[in-house]
C-alpha atoms as a PDB file:
ATOM      1  CA  MET A   1     132.388 144.556  -8.796  1.00  0.00           C
ATOM      2  CA  GLN A   2     133.326 145.362  -5.241  1.00  0.00           C
ATOM      3  CA  VAL A   3     137.066 145.812  -4.895  1.00  0.00           C
ATOM      4  CA  LEU A   4     139.198 144.859  -1.855  1.00  0.00           C
ATOM      5  CA  GLN A   5     142.341 145.884  -0.984  1.00  0.00           C
ATOM      6  CA  GLU A   6     145.081 144.495   1.375  1.00  0.00           C
ATOM      7  CA  ILE A   7     148.384 145.921   2.079  1.00  0.00           C
ATOM      8  CA  LYS A   8     150.896 143.021   1.901  1.00  0.00           C
ATOM      9  CA  GLY A   9     154.395 144.502   3.562  1.00  0.00           C
ATOM     10  CA  TYR A  10     155.309 148.324   2.614  1.00  0.00           C
ATOM     11  CA  GLY A  11     155.948 147.756  -0.597  1.00  0.00           C
ATOM     12  CA  GLU A  12     153.070 146.028  -2.253  1.00  0.00           C
ATOM     13  CA  VAL A  13     149.263 146.455  -1.901  1.00  0.00           C
ATOM     14  CA  ASN A  14     146.939 143.449  -2.808  1.00  0.00           C
ATOM     15  CA  VAL A  15     143.979 144.430  -5.467  1.00  0.00           C
ATOM     16  CA  LYS A  16     140.995 141.660  -5.296  1.00  0.00           C
ATOM     17  CA  PHE A  17     137.622 142.209  -7.186  1.00  0.00           C
ATOM     18  CA  GLY A  18     135.214 140.243  -9.167  1.00  0.00           C
ATOM     19  CA  LEU A  19     133.811 140.373 -12.997  1.00  0.00           C
ATOM     20  CA  LYS A  20     130.536 139.336 -14.049  1.00  0.00           C
ATOM     21  CA  LYS A  21     131.567 138.986 -17.306  1.00  0.00           C
ATOM     22  CA  SER A  22     134.980 139.191 -19.070  1.00  0.00           C
ATOM     23  CA  GLU A  23     136.344 142.430 -19.627  1.00  0.00           C
ATOM     24  CA  ASN A  24     138.692 144.856 -20.874  1.00  0.00           C
ATOM     25  CA  VAL A  25     139.939 145.917 -17.141  1.00  0.00           C
ATOM     26  CA  THR A  26     142.512 148.701 -16.651  1.00  0.00           C
ATOM     27  CA  VAL A  27     143.835 149.493 -13.224  1.00  0.00           C
ATOM     28  CA  GLU A  28     145.114 152.976 -11.937  1.00  0.00           C
ATOM     29  CA  ILE A  29     146.846 154.558  -8.647  1.00  0.00           C
ATOM     30  CA  VAL A  30     145.629 158.217  -8.545  1.00  0.00           C
ATOM     31  CA  ASN A  31     146.550 160.744  -6.162  1.00  0.00           C
ATOM     32  CA  VAL A  32     144.701 163.089  -3.978  1.00  0.00           C
ATOM     33  CA  LEU A  33     144.825 165.905  -6.396  1.00  0.00           C
ATOM     34  CA  GLY A  34     143.010 163.632  -9.061  1.00  0.00           C
ATOM     35  CA  GLU A  35     146.685 163.040 -11.168  1.00  0.00           C
ATOM     36  CA  ILE A  36     147.071 159.459 -12.512  1.00  0.00           C
ATOM     37  CA  VAL A  37     150.412 158.285 -10.633  1.00  0.00           C
ATOM     38  CA  SER A  38     150.394 154.532 -11.901  1.00  0.00           C
ATOM     39  CA  SER A  39     147.949 153.140 -15.110  1.00  0.00           C
ATOM     40  CA  ILE A  40     148.305 149.079 -15.552  1.00  0.00           C
ATOM     41  CA  ASN A  41     146.099 148.010 -18.636  1.00  0.00           C
ATOM     42  CA  ARG A  42     145.554 144.516 -17.604  1.00  0.00           C
ATOM     43  CA  GLY A  43     143.626 143.096 -21.235  1.00  0.00           C
ATOM     44  CA  THR A  44     140.956 141.104 -21.047  1.00  0.00           C
ATOM     45  CA  LEU A  45     140.006 139.110 -18.219  1.00  0.00           C
ATOM     46  CA  VAL A  46     137.744 136.668 -18.170  1.00  0.00           C
ATOM     47  CA  ALA A  47     134.770 136.422 -15.229  1.00  0.00           C
ATOM     48  CA  GLY A  48     135.233 135.561 -11.823  1.00  0.00           C
ATOM     49  CA  GLU A  49     137.605 136.635  -8.812  1.00  0.00           C
ATOM     50  CA  GLN A  50     140.546 138.553  -9.943  1.00  0.00           C
ATOM     51  CA  ASN A  51     144.155 139.194  -7.574  1.00  0.00           C
ATOM     52  CA  MET A  52     146.328 141.416  -8.569  1.00  0.00           C
ATOM     53  CA  LYS A  53     149.378 143.325  -6.831  1.00  0.00           C
ATOM     54  CA  LEU A  54     150.641 146.403  -7.595  1.00  0.00           C
ATOM     55  CA  ASN A  55     154.149 147.978  -6.442  1.00  0.00           C
ATOM     56  CA  VAL A  56     153.864 151.216  -3.854  1.00  0.00           C
ATOM     57  CA  GLU A  57     156.979 150.828  -2.933  1.00  0.00           C
ATOM     58  CA  ASN A  58     158.529 154.059  -4.997  1.00  0.00           C
ATOM     59  CA  MET A  59     154.867 156.466  -4.200  1.00  0.00           C
ATOM     60  CA  ASN A  60     155.738 158.977  -1.529  1.00  0.00           C
ATOM     61  CA  SER A  61     153.321 158.074   2.131  1.00  0.00           C
ATOM     62  CA  GLY A  62     149.960 159.603   1.213  1.00  0.00           C
ATOM     63  CA  ILE A  63     146.363 159.173   0.735  1.00  0.00           C
ATOM     64  CA  TYR A  64     145.204 157.402  -2.676  1.00  0.00           C
ATOM     65  CA  PHE A  65     143.136 155.703  -5.071  1.00  0.00           C
ATOM     66  CA  VAL A  66     142.446 152.307  -6.507  1.00  0.00           C
ATOM     67  CA  LYS A  67     140.226 152.744  -9.707  1.00  0.00           C
ATOM     68  CA  VAL A  68     139.395 149.745 -11.011  1.00  0.00           C
ATOM     69  CA  ILE A  69     137.945 149.969 -14.766  1.00  0.00           C
ATOM     70  CA  ALA A  70     136.328 147.053 -16.374  1.00  0.00           C
ATOM     71  CA  GLY A  71     134.144 148.038 -19.508  1.00  0.00           C
ATOM     72  CA  ASN A  72     131.721 150.723 -18.088  1.00  0.00           C
ATOM     73  CA  GLU A  73     132.417 149.814 -14.655  1.00  0.00           C
ATOM     74  CA  VAL A  74     134.005 152.205 -12.443  1.00  0.00           C
ATOM     75  CA  SER A  75     135.375 151.056  -8.480  1.00  0.00           C
ATOM     76  CA  THR A  76     137.509 153.151  -6.706  1.00  0.00           C
ATOM     77  CA  GLN A  77     138.771 151.863  -2.810  1.00  0.00           C
ATOM     78  CA  ARG A  78     140.778 154.480  -0.938  1.00  0.00           C
ATOM     79  CA  VAL A  79     144.460 153.087   0.076  1.00  0.00           C
ATOM     80  CA  SER A  80     147.180 154.928   2.368  1.00  0.00           C
ATOM     81  CA  VAL A  81     150.966 154.130   1.893  1.00  0.00           C
ATOM     82  CA  ILE A  82     152.943 154.924   5.337  1.00  0.00           C
ATOM     83  CA  LYS A  83     156.412 154.876   4.937  1.00  0.00           C
END
């Protein structure tokens, strides 16, 4: 599973990832201290390309990590929030 992220404006991150099979998916935003700032359980998603938008408007400027957990697989991508 590969996670691709794009910044869309100042308050939104677009996260794209692919699933080989249907899986329960959770997306977490983690700060550099390892604290979970946001956690979204998306439920069971079907196989194929997935696309979701994360609102980061209320987050402070800094470095964060978007972690996508699908079944037993975990993929992490670094994101910079700049205001």
